[in-house]
C-alpha cells in the first residue's frame, strides 16, 4: 500500500465553505478566497477593458485627481445668481426625466417649488404646466449641483457654493430643510412653503453674511470653512456623512456662529433672526449633509473626462431611474429602475408606502463615505437597520470594488484604514458586488414626506451597460 499523503501546512480555498471548514477542523491553516464569477454577459467586455493600455494609468490619474481636491465653503447665494436659473426652470435629482415619468415625491417637490416661486397660487395647480412643458426640468448634475432626495432647486432657493482653491472649480447644493414633511421628500403643505420662504428671506442671507465675513477674516480663526477638513474629523466622531451628520453640523455651527452673531446685525438682521438661524441649524442634525454632497461632487468631478478611466463619478436617482456616470464616458448616463430600500419605517408606514430610491445624495458613497464608511458610524444601524457587524463588513466589502482608499478619511475601528474610494465599473462586474447606499425613504404619494430610512443598492444591469460602452471606446481606439 502507498503511504498516505502528507497533511498540507496551508491550503487556499474558494467557493462554498464546506471544504475549508473541514480543513480547519483538522488544524490546517486555510486562506479563504471570496471568488465569484463575473456578471453574466460581461466576460468579453471585461477582457477588452482589462487589456486597454490606457486603463491603468487613466484610473491612477482619476483616483489621484479625486483625492487631491480640497472643498471649501466660499459663499451662499440664490440659484438664479450662481446657476443661472430663470423663472419656470427647475432642477431635480438624478438622471434626466420628464413629468410623465416622475415619481410621487419628485412631483410633490416640483409642485412645492412652483408655489414657492409664486408661479401658481396652489401647488395642486402646478402639474399642468409641468406636463405641457411650460415649466422645464433638468438634472442638478448638469449644472454642477447636487440635491438630496427630490433635489428640487428653483431660482429663489439659496445655495451653498463650494470651491477647490487650487483650481477654482465650484459645486453647489441647496440648504437643508430638516426631516419629515419637507420639500425634498415631496411634501408641499403650507408649513413647508412657509419654512422655504424663511430660509430664502432670513437663513440664506444670514449664512452668506457669516460665510463671507469668515472668509475675509485674516485672523487664525478666519478663512473659508474647510469642508473637507470637517469631513475628516466627523468620520472619526461617529458620522458617515450621509444619514448621520451630527458631528459635522455642530462643527459647522462652531465655525460660523461667531460670524452669524457679528455679521448678522451688520447685514440688517435682528438678534431674534440670528437666534432663529442658530436654533434651526443646531436642531437639524442633517444640515451638514448639504455640504458633504457638493464636497464629494467637487472631488469626483475632477476625474471627469479622463479617457480610459473606469472610475464612477456619479450615482444618482430621480425616484424612477438610478443612473451612473463614469470618468471615461463623458456625460452619458447608464440607467436602470431605482430600487425600494430595505430598512426601518416611521410610525405605521411600511414597504408599500415607500417610493423607490431617490436623490443625488449617493454622491457620498461614490466618493467613499456614507454606506462605504458605515464602520465609522456603527450607530447608523439604529436608523437604517442591520447590525454593527454588518456595518463593519460593509466597509470591508466595498474595498473589493474600489481602486484605492482615502488617507484623509479614516476608519478608527479598522486601524485607521482609509475609506474605500473610487468605484471601478470593471471590479463591480467582475465580482458582482454592488455599492452599498444608506438612504432616506420618501413616501410614494406626493405630499406624504419621509416614511423611513434604509439600505439599498443600484440595479445591477447599469454596470454592465457602462462596461460595454467603455469596451466599445477601447476597441475604437484600437
Protein backbone atom coordinates (compact mmCIF):
# COMPACT_ATOMS: atom_id res chain seq x y z
CA UNK A 1 0.00 0.00 0.00
CA UNK A 2 1.19 3.51 -0.73
CA UNK A 3 1.95 5.94 2.06
CA UNK A 4 -0.82 8.39 2.98
CA UNK A 5 -0.44 11.86 1.52
CA UNK A 6 1.22 14.30 3.91
CA UNK A 7 -1.01 16.82 5.61
CA UNK A 8 -0.54 20.19 3.92
CA UNK A 9 0.62 23.12 6.03
CA UNK A 10 -1.61 25.64 4.26
CA UNK A 11 -4.47 25.44 1.75
CA UNK A 12 -6.15 28.12 -0.36
CA UNK A 13 -9.88 27.56 -0.99
CA UNK A 14 -12.67 29.30 -2.86
CA UNK A 15 -16.38 28.73 -3.22
CA UNK A 16 -18.57 27.07 -0.60
CA UNK A 17 -17.25 26.86 2.94
CA UNK A 18 -17.72 23.08 3.40
CA UNK A 19 -14.20 22.15 2.29
CA UNK A 20 -12.43 24.97 4.11
CA UNK A 21 -14.36 24.29 7.32
CA UNK A 22 -13.36 20.61 7.17
CA UNK A 23 -9.70 21.57 6.80
CA UNK A 24 -9.90 23.98 9.73
CA UNK A 25 -11.35 21.14 11.83
CA UNK A 26 -8.18 19.20 11.00
CA UNK A 27 -5.96 22.07 12.20
CA UNK A 28 -4.91 23.04 8.67
CA UNK A 29 -4.30 26.74 8.00
CA UNK A 30 -6.71 27.99 5.34
CA UNK A 31 -6.66 31.08 3.10
CA UNK A 32 -10.25 31.63 2.00
CA UNK A 33 -10.64 33.39 -1.36
CA UNK A 34 -14.01 35.06 -1.84
CA UNK A 35 -14.21 34.37 -5.57
CA UNK A 36 -17.33 34.97 -7.64
CA UNK A 37 -17.99 34.56 -11.33
CA UNK A 38 -18.36 37.83 -13.24
CA UNK A 39 -21.78 39.26 -14.02
CA UNK A 40 -23.38 37.26 -16.86
CA UNK A 41 -22.55 38.51 -20.32
CA UNK A 42 -19.65 40.74 -19.23
CA UNK A 43 -16.78 38.36 -19.95
CA UNK A 44 -15.78 39.74 -23.37
CA UNK A 45 -16.08 43.36 -22.27
CA UNK A 46 -14.04 42.65 -19.14
CA UNK A 47 -11.26 41.19 -21.29
CA UNK A 48 -11.33 44.22 -23.59
CA UNK A 49 -11.27 46.76 -20.77
CA UNK A 50 -8.60 44.84 -18.85
CA UNK A 51 -6.43 44.89 -21.99
CA UNK A 52 -6.94 48.60 -22.65
CA UNK A 53 -3.45 50.11 -22.44
CA UNK A 54 -4.94 53.39 -21.14
CA UNK A 55 -6.87 51.86 -18.25
CA UNK A 56 -4.21 51.52 -15.56
CA UNK A 57 -2.69 54.98 -15.90
CA UNK A 58 -6.09 56.57 -16.52
CA UNK A 59 -7.52 55.12 -13.31
CA UNK A 60 -4.42 56.17 -11.38
CA UNK A 61 -4.85 59.73 -12.68
CA UNK A 62 -8.56 59.70 -11.89
CA UNK A 63 -8.08 58.50 -8.33
CA UNK A 64 -5.23 60.96 -7.74
CA UNK A 65 -7.43 63.79 -9.02
CA UNK A 66 -10.30 62.83 -6.70
CA UNK A 67 -8.06 62.56 -3.65
CA UNK A 68 -6.31 65.84 -4.39
CA UNK A 69 -9.38 68.10 -4.12
CA UNK A 70 -9.92 70.38 -1.13
CA UNK A 71 -13.51 71.61 -0.73
CA UNK A 72 -14.05 74.97 0.95
CA UNK A 73 -17.29 76.88 1.58
CA UNK A 74 -16.82 80.27 -0.05
CA UNK A 75 -20.32 81.70 -0.45
CA UNK A 76 -24.08 81.26 -0.10
CA UNK A 77 -26.22 82.74 -2.89
CA UNK A 78 -29.53 82.33 -4.79
CA UNK A 79 -29.66 79.69 -7.52
CA UNK A 80 -30.64 82.38 -10.04
CA UNK A 81 -27.29 84.04 -9.38
CA UNK A 82 -24.89 81.09 -9.26
CA UNK A 83 -26.65 78.56 -11.51
CA UNK A 84 -28.31 80.93 -13.96
CA UNK A 85 -31.78 79.50 -13.31
CA UNK A 86 -34.60 81.55 -14.80
CA UNK A 87 -38.27 81.79 -13.93
CA UNK A 88 -40.03 78.50 -14.61
CA UNK A 89 -36.76 76.49 -14.69
CA UNK A 90 -36.41 73.65 -12.17
CA UNK A 91 -33.58 71.29 -11.29
CA UNK A 92 -34.07 67.82 -9.84
CA UNK A 93 -32.03 64.91 -8.53
CA UNK A 94 -30.86 62.00 -10.64
CA UNK A 95 -30.60 61.47 -14.39
CA UNK A 96 -32.91 63.37 -16.81
CA UNK A 97 -36.63 62.66 -16.54
CA UNK A 98 -39.90 64.07 -17.82
CA UNK A 99 -43.01 64.89 -15.82
CA UNK A 100 -44.96 61.92 -17.17
CA UNK A 101 -42.39 59.50 -15.65
CA UNK A 102 -41.71 61.46 -12.46
CA UNK A 103 -42.32 59.71 -9.14
CA UNK A 104 -44.68 60.95 -6.45
CA UNK A 105 -42.05 62.62 -4.24
CA UNK A 106 -40.40 64.33 -7.22
CA UNK A 107 -43.77 65.62 -8.39
CA UNK A 108 -44.55 66.81 -4.87
CA UNK A 109 -41.25 68.64 -4.62
CA UNK A 110 -41.75 70.30 -8.01
CA UNK A 111 -45.26 71.35 -7.04
CA UNK A 112 -43.92 72.89 -3.83
CA UNK A 113 -41.21 74.66 -5.82
CA UNK A 114 -43.73 76.14 -8.23
CA UNK A 115 -45.83 77.51 -5.37
CA UNK A 116 -42.72 78.80 -3.56
CA UNK A 117 -41.73 80.74 -6.70
CA UNK A 118 -45.22 82.23 -6.99
CA UNK A 119 -45.81 80.56 -10.33
CA UNK A 120 -49.07 79.08 -9.00
CA UNK A 121 -51.26 80.05 -6.06
CA UNK A 122 -51.88 76.42 -5.13
CA UNK A 123 -49.34 73.56 -5.55
CA UNK A 124 -52.15 71.40 -6.93
CA UNK A 125 -52.38 73.77 -9.92
CA UNK A 126 -48.76 73.15 -10.99
CA UNK A 127 -48.91 69.73 -12.73
CA UNK A 128 -50.50 71.05 -15.93
CA UNK A 129 -47.61 73.46 -16.53
CA UNK A 130 -45.06 70.72 -15.96
CA UNK A 131 -46.94 68.34 -18.24
CA UNK A 132 -47.19 70.79 -21.17
CA UNK A 133 -43.58 71.97 -20.89
CA UNK A 134 -44.29 75.48 -19.63
CA UNK A 135 -42.05 74.68 -16.67
CA UNK A 136 -38.79 72.97 -17.65
CA UNK A 137 -36.80 70.25 -15.84
CA UNK A 138 -33.11 69.43 -15.75
CA UNK A 139 -30.75 67.39 -13.54
CA UNK A 140 -28.80 69.16 -10.81
CA UNK A 141 -25.67 67.35 -12.00
CA UNK A 142 -25.89 69.13 -15.37
CA UNK A 143 -25.44 72.50 -13.59
CA UNK A 144 -22.58 71.46 -11.29
CA UNK A 145 -25.01 70.93 -8.42
CA UNK A 146 -26.45 68.13 -6.31
CA UNK A 147 -29.73 67.88 -4.44
CA UNK A 148 -30.85 65.46 -1.70
CA UNK A 149 -33.93 63.28 -2.25
CA UNK A 150 -36.16 65.01 -4.85
CA UNK A 151 -33.35 67.53 -5.22
CA UNK A 152 -35.67 70.26 -6.47
CA UNK A 153 -33.92 73.61 -6.97
CA UNK A 154 -35.73 76.80 -8.03
CA UNK A 155 -34.28 80.24 -8.85
CA UNK A 156 -35.08 81.76 -5.44
CA UNK A 157 -33.54 78.97 -3.36
CA UNK A 158 -30.23 79.75 -1.71
CA UNK A 159 -27.25 77.52 -2.47
CA UNK A 160 -24.02 76.62 -0.72
CA UNK A 161 -21.07 77.44 -3.00
CA UNK A 162 -18.02 75.18 -2.61
CA UNK A 163 -14.67 75.76 -4.27
CA UNK A 164 -11.40 73.93 -4.74
CA UNK A 165 -8.85 76.71 -4.05
CA UNK A 166 -6.21 75.15 -6.29
CA UNK A 167 -8.34 75.01 -9.45
CA UNK A 168 -11.20 77.41 -8.74
CA UNK A 169 -13.77 74.76 -9.73
CA UNK A 170 -17.11 75.09 -7.92
CA UNK A 171 -20.10 72.94 -6.99
CA UNK A 172 -23.43 73.83 -5.40
CA UNK A 173 -26.20 72.49 -3.17
CA UNK A 174 -29.38 73.87 -1.64
CA UNK A 175 -29.80 74.43 2.11
CA UNK A 176 -31.13 71.54 4.20
CA UNK A 177 -34.72 71.89 5.42
CA UNK A 178 -34.62 69.17 8.10
CA UNK A 179 -36.52 65.88 8.25
CA UNK A 180 -40.15 64.78 7.94
CA UNK A 181 -42.60 66.80 5.86
CA UNK A 182 -40.20 68.82 3.71
CA UNK A 183 -39.97 69.63 0.01
CA UNK A 184 -37.14 67.23 -0.68
CA UNK A 185 -39.34 64.33 0.50
CA UNK A 186 -42.20 65.52 -1.72
CA UNK A 187 -44.28 67.49 0.80
CA UNK A 188 -45.93 70.76 -0.23
CA UNK A 189 -48.21 71.78 2.66
CA UNK A 190 -48.40 75.45 3.81
CA UNK A 191 -45.86 74.90 6.59
CA UNK A 192 -43.37 73.54 4.03
CA UNK A 193 -43.75 76.70 1.94
CA UNK A 194 -43.53 78.94 5.00
CA UNK A 195 -40.23 77.33 6.01
CA UNK A 196 -38.84 77.73 2.48
CA UNK A 197 -39.73 81.45 2.49
CA UNK A 198 -37.99 81.95 5.85
CA UNK A 199 -34.92 80.14 4.51
CA UNK A 200 -34.89 82.46 1.47
CA UNK A 201 -35.59 85.67 3.38
CA UNK A 202 -33.53 85.09 6.55
CA UNK A 203 -31.39 81.95 6.72
CA UNK A 204 -29.75 82.23 3.30
CA UNK A 205 -28.76 85.90 3.57
CA UNK A 206 -27.58 85.41 7.15
CA UNK A 207 -25.39 82.47 6.16
CA UNK A 208 -23.98 84.49 3.26
CA UNK A 209 -23.02 87.30 5.62
CA UNK A 210 -21.36 84.85 8.02
CA UNK A 211 -19.53 82.83 5.33
CA UNK A 212 -18.21 85.96 3.63
CA UNK A 213 -17.15 87.51 6.94
CA UNK A 214 -15.27 84.36 7.93
CA UNK A 215 -13.59 84.09 4.54
CA UNK A 216 -12.45 87.73 4.81
CA UNK A 217 -11.15 87.32 8.38
CA UNK A 218 -7.34 87.23 8.34
CA UNK A 219 -7.01 86.12 11.96
CA UNK A 220 -6.08 82.50 12.80
CA UNK A 221 -9.78 81.59 13.20
CA UNK A 222 -10.70 83.12 9.85
CA UNK A 223 -10.62 81.90 6.27
CA UNK A 224 -13.08 79.85 4.22
CA UNK A 225 -14.77 76.94 6.00
CA UNK A 226 -12.73 73.79 5.30
CA UNK A 227 -15.48 71.30 4.42
CA UNK A 228 -13.04 68.51 3.57
CA UNK A 229 -11.37 69.02 6.95
CA UNK A 230 -14.70 68.79 8.77
CA UNK A 231 -15.45 65.57 6.89
CA UNK A 232 -12.09 64.19 8.05
CA UNK A 233 -12.93 64.94 11.68
CA UNK A 234 -16.58 63.87 11.67
CA UNK A 235 -15.77 60.42 10.32
CA UNK A 236 -13.75 59.87 13.49
CA UNK A 237 -16.62 61.15 15.64
CA UNK A 238 -19.35 58.69 14.69
CA UNK A 239 -20.70 60.21 11.44
CA UNK A 240 -20.69 58.61 8.00
CA UNK A 241 -21.77 61.87 6.26
CA UNK A 242 -24.90 60.61 4.55
CA UNK A 243 -27.58 59.70 7.08
CA UNK A 244 -25.55 60.71 10.13
CA UNK A 245 -24.12 64.26 10.14
CA UNK A 246 -24.48 65.27 13.79
CA UNK A 247 -20.80 65.98 14.49
CA UNK A 248 -20.35 67.70 11.13
CA UNK A 249 -23.31 70.00 11.71
CA UNK A 250 -22.04 71.01 15.15
CA UNK A 251 -18.53 71.70 13.82
CA UNK A 252 -20.01 73.87 11.06
CA UNK A 253 -22.02 75.73 13.68
CA UNK A 254 -18.84 76.16 15.75
CA UNK A 255 -17.12 77.76 12.76
CA UNK A 256 -19.96 80.06 11.69
CA UNK A 257 -21.72 81.00 14.94
CA UNK A 258 -19.37 83.89 15.87
CA UNK A 259 -19.79 85.41 12.41
CA UNK A 260 -23.56 84.95 12.44
CA UNK A 261 -23.61 86.96 15.67
CA UNK A 262 -21.29 89.73 14.46
CA UNK A 263 -22.13 89.94 10.75
CA UNK A 264 -25.88 89.38 11.10
CA UNK A 265 -26.70 92.81 12.55
CA UNK A 266 -24.41 94.48 10.01
CA UNK A 267 -26.49 92.81 7.29
CA UNK A 268 -29.70 94.22 8.78
CA UNK A 269 -30.90 91.19 10.76
CA UNK A 270 -32.18 91.29 14.32
CA UNK A 271 -30.92 89.32 17.30
CA UNK A 272 -34.09 87.24 17.03
CA UNK A 273 -33.24 86.39 13.41
CA UNK A 274 -29.74 85.30 14.41
CA UNK A 275 -31.11 83.24 17.29
CA UNK A 276 -33.63 81.55 14.99
CA UNK A 277 -30.90 80.67 12.48
CA UNK A 278 -28.65 79.25 15.19
CA UNK A 279 -31.52 77.20 16.62
CA UNK A 280 -32.51 75.91 13.17
CA UNK A 281 -29.02 74.75 12.22
CA UNK A 282 -28.25 73.38 15.69
CA UNK A 283 -31.56 71.49 15.78
CA UNK A 284 -31.12 69.92 12.33
CA UNK A 285 -28.61 67.08 12.52
CA UNK A 286 -28.73 66.70 8.73
CA UNK A 287 -27.76 70.29 7.95
CA UNK A 288 -24.17 69.38 7.06
CA UNK A 289 -25.31 66.77 4.51
CA UNK A 290 -25.86 69.58 2.02
CA UNK A 291 -22.18 70.48 2.34
CA UNK A 292 -20.89 66.90 2.29
CA UNK A 293 -22.67 66.25 -1.02
CA UNK A 294 -21.19 69.12 -3.06
CA UNK A 295 -17.78 68.43 -1.47
CA UNK A 296 -17.97 64.89 -2.82
CA UNK A 297 -19.13 66.10 -6.23
CA UNK A 298 -16.28 68.62 -6.34
CA UNK A 299 -13.80 65.79 -5.76
CA UNK A 300 -15.36 63.38 -8.24
CA UNK A 301 -15.80 65.97 -10.98
CA UNK A 302 -12.00 66.30 -11.00
CA UNK A 303 -11.87 62.84 -12.62
CA UNK A 304 -14.37 63.55 -15.40
CA UNK A 305 -13.19 63.27 -18.97
CA UNK A 306 -10.17 61.03 -18.37
CA UNK A 307 -10.10 58.74 -21.39
CA UNK A 308 -9.93 55.04 -20.49
CA UNK A 309 -10.80 55.53 -16.82
CA UNK A 310 -13.39 53.11 -15.40
CA UNK A 311 -13.99 55.07 -12.18
CA UNK A 312 -17.60 56.01 -11.36
CA UNK A 313 -18.01 59.78 -10.92
CA UNK A 314 -21.74 59.92 -10.11
CA UNK A 315 -24.52 57.71 -8.77
CA UNK A 316 -27.89 59.45 -8.71
CA UNK A 317 -31.60 58.61 -8.54
CA UNK A 318 -34.72 60.53 -9.55
CA UNK A 319 -37.22 58.21 -7.88
CA UNK A 320 -37.83 56.29 -11.11
CA UNK A 321 -34.37 55.68 -12.56
CA UNK A 322 -30.98 55.03 -10.99
CA UNK A 323 -28.11 56.35 -13.10
CA UNK A 324 -24.33 56.31 -13.05
CA UNK A 325 -21.67 58.22 -14.96
CA UNK A 326 -18.02 57.26 -15.36
CA UNK A 327 -14.82 59.22 -15.82
CA UNK A 328 -14.19 57.71 -19.25
CA UNK A 329 -17.64 58.11 -20.83
CA UNK A 330 -18.33 61.83 -20.55
CA UNK A 331 -21.83 62.98 -19.57
CA UNK A 332 -23.56 59.77 -20.70
CA UNK A 333 -25.93 58.20 -18.15
CA UNK A 334 -26.36 54.44 -17.70
CA UNK A 335 -29.73 53.85 -16.09
CA UNK A 336 -31.97 51.16 -14.66
CA UNK A 337 -35.00 51.04 -12.38
CA UNK A 338 -34.48 52.53 -8.91
CA UNK A 339 -34.97 50.04 -6.09
CA UNK A 340 -37.01 50.30 -2.86
CA UNK A 341 -34.73 50.41 0.17
CA UNK A 342 -34.91 47.86 2.95
CA UNK A 343 -34.85 49.36 6.43
CA UNK A 344 -36.85 50.89 9.24
CA UNK A 345 -40.10 52.80 8.87
CA UNK A 346 -41.63 55.72 10.74
CA UNK A 347 -44.89 55.20 12.62
CA UNK A 348 -47.34 52.99 10.77
CA UNK A 349 -45.60 53.26 7.39
CA UNK A 350 -44.34 50.11 5.68
CA UNK A 351 -42.72 48.95 2.43
CA UNK A 352 -45.89 49.53 0.44
CA UNK A 353 -45.73 53.24 1.33
CA UNK A 354 -42.14 53.78 0.17
CA UNK A 355 -41.11 55.20 -3.19
CA UNK A 356 -38.12 53.69 -5.00
CA UNK A 357 -34.77 55.25 -4.10
CA UNK A 358 -34.37 58.95 -4.88
CA UNK A 359 -31.75 61.69 -4.62
CA UNK A 360 -28.25 62.83 -5.54
CA UNK A 361 -27.01 62.02 -2.04
CA UNK A 362 -25.43 58.76 -3.24
CA UNK A 363 -22.60 61.05 -4.37
CA UNK A 364 -21.31 60.46 -0.82
CA UNK A 365 -20.98 56.71 -1.42
CA UNK A 366 -19.47 57.43 -4.84
CA UNK A 367 -16.73 59.36 -3.05
CA UNK A 368 -16.15 56.69 -0.39
CA UNK A 369 -18.26 57.80 2.58
CA UNK A 370 -21.91 57.20 3.51
CA UNK A 371 -22.62 53.50 3.10
CA UNK A 372 -18.96 52.88 2.26
CA UNK A 373 -17.96 54.30 5.65
CA UNK A 374 -20.55 52.55 7.80
CA UNK A 375 -17.75 51.23 10.00
CA UNK A 376 -17.08 54.80 11.16
CA UNK A 377 -20.69 55.12 12.34
CA UNK A 378 -21.93 51.80 13.73
CA UNK A 379 -24.79 53.66 15.43
CA UNK A 380 -26.22 54.28 11.95
CA UNK A 381 -27.75 50.81 12.06
CA UNK A 382 -30.30 52.15 14.56
CA UNK A 383 -31.62 54.34 11.75
CA UNK A 384 -31.20 52.23 8.61
CA UNK A 385 -31.36 48.69 10.00
CA UNK A 386 -28.84 45.87 10.08
CA UNK A 387 -26.29 45.26 12.83
CA UNK A 388 -22.91 46.59 13.94
CA UNK A 389 -21.07 43.60 12.39
CA UNK A 390 -22.96 44.37 9.16
CA UNK A 391 -21.62 47.94 9.23
CA UNK A 392 -18.03 46.74 9.63
CA UNK A 393 -18.43 44.06 6.96
CA UNK A 394 -19.91 46.56 4.50
CA UNK A 395 -16.90 48.86 4.65
CA UNK A 396 -14.53 45.91 4.22
CA UNK A 397 -16.57 44.60 1.27
CA UNK A 398 -16.57 47.95 -0.54
CA UNK A 399 -12.76 47.77 -0.73
CA UNK A 400 -13.25 44.91 -3.20
CA UNK A 401 -14.84 47.19 -5.82
CA UNK A 402 -12.75 50.35 -5.39
CA UNK A 403 -9.44 51.49 -6.85
CA UNK A 404 -7.94 52.65 -3.57
CA UNK A 405 -8.61 54.34 -0.26
CA UNK A 406 -8.73 57.90 1.00
CA UNK A 407 -5.99 58.59 3.56
CA UNK A 408 -7.83 61.73 4.72
CA UNK A 409 -10.99 59.83 5.61
CA UNK A 410 -10.01 57.09 8.03
CA UNK A 411 -11.92 54.40 9.93
CA UNK A 412 -10.73 54.19 13.56
CA UNK A 413 -12.19 50.74 14.26
CA UNK A 414 -10.37 49.33 11.20
CA UNK A 415 -6.94 50.50 12.41
CA UNK A 416 -7.46 53.91 10.74
CA UNK A 417 -7.64 52.40 7.28
CA UNK A 418 -8.78 54.90 4.64
CA UNK A 419 -12.33 54.64 3.36
CA UNK A 420 -12.76 52.62 0.12
CA UNK A 421 -12.67 55.17 -2.70
CA UNK A 422 -13.06 55.07 -6.48
CA UNK A 423 -15.78 52.63 -7.54
CA UNK A 424 -14.46 50.70 -10.54
CA UNK A 425 -17.08 49.56 -13.06
CA UNK A 426 -14.92 46.60 -14.07
CA UNK A 427 -14.48 45.45 -10.46
CA UNK A 428 -18.23 45.63 -9.87
CA UNK A 429 -18.82 43.50 -12.97
CA UNK A 430 -16.03 41.08 -12.13
CA UNK A 431 -17.12 40.46 -8.52
CA UNK A 432 -20.88 41.02 -8.68
CA UNK A 433 -20.60 43.18 -5.54
CA UNK A 434 -22.88 46.22 -5.76
CA UNK A 435 -22.21 49.54 -3.99
CA UNK A 436 -24.00 49.89 -0.64
CA UNK A 437 -26.01 53.06 -0.08
CA UNK A 438 -27.55 54.43 3.13
CA UNK A 439 -30.69 56.37 2.26
CA UNK A 440 -33.85 58.01 3.47
CA UNK A 441 -37.18 56.80 2.11
CA UNK A 442 -39.83 59.14 0.72
CA UNK A 443 -43.50 58.27 0.55
CA UNK A 444 -44.52 57.23 -2.95
CA UNK A 445 -47.56 59.53 -2.85
CA UNK A 446 -46.84 63.21 -3.44
CA UNK A 447 -47.23 65.25 -0.25
CA UNK A 448 -46.57 62.46 2.25
CA UNK A 449 -42.93 63.26 3.12
CA UNK A 450 -40.45 60.91 4.76
CA UNK A 451 -41.58 57.38 5.66
CA UNK A 452 -38.31 55.74 6.79
CA UNK A 453 -34.63 55.10 6.15
CA UNK A 454 -32.72 52.05 4.99
CA UNK A 455 -30.15 50.37 2.77
CA UNK A 456 -30.25 49.98 -0.98
CA UNK A 457 -28.03 49.03 -3.92
CA UNK A 458 -28.13 50.15 -7.57
CA UNK A 459 -29.81 47.98 -10.20
CA UNK A 460 -27.14 45.52 -11.29
CA UNK A 461 -27.62 46.00 -15.03
CA UNK A 462 -26.28 49.56 -15.15
CA UNK A 463 -22.69 48.45 -14.52
CA UNK A 464 -22.51 46.01 -17.46
CA UNK A 465 -24.04 48.77 -19.61
CA UNK A 466 -21.30 51.19 -18.59
CA UNK A 467 -18.67 48.48 -19.06
CA UNK A 468 -19.96 47.77 -22.57
CA UNK A 469 -19.59 51.44 -23.50
CA UNK A 470 -16.07 51.57 -22.04
CA UNK A 471 -15.18 48.44 -24.03
CA UNK A 472 -16.65 49.96 -27.20
CA UNK A 473 -14.49 53.07 -26.75
CA UNK A 474 -11.41 50.92 -26.09
CA UNK A 475 -12.00 48.92 -29.26
CA UNK A 476 -12.44 52.14 -31.27
CA UNK A 477 -9.07 53.36 -30.05
CA UNK A 478 -7.57 50.13 -31.39
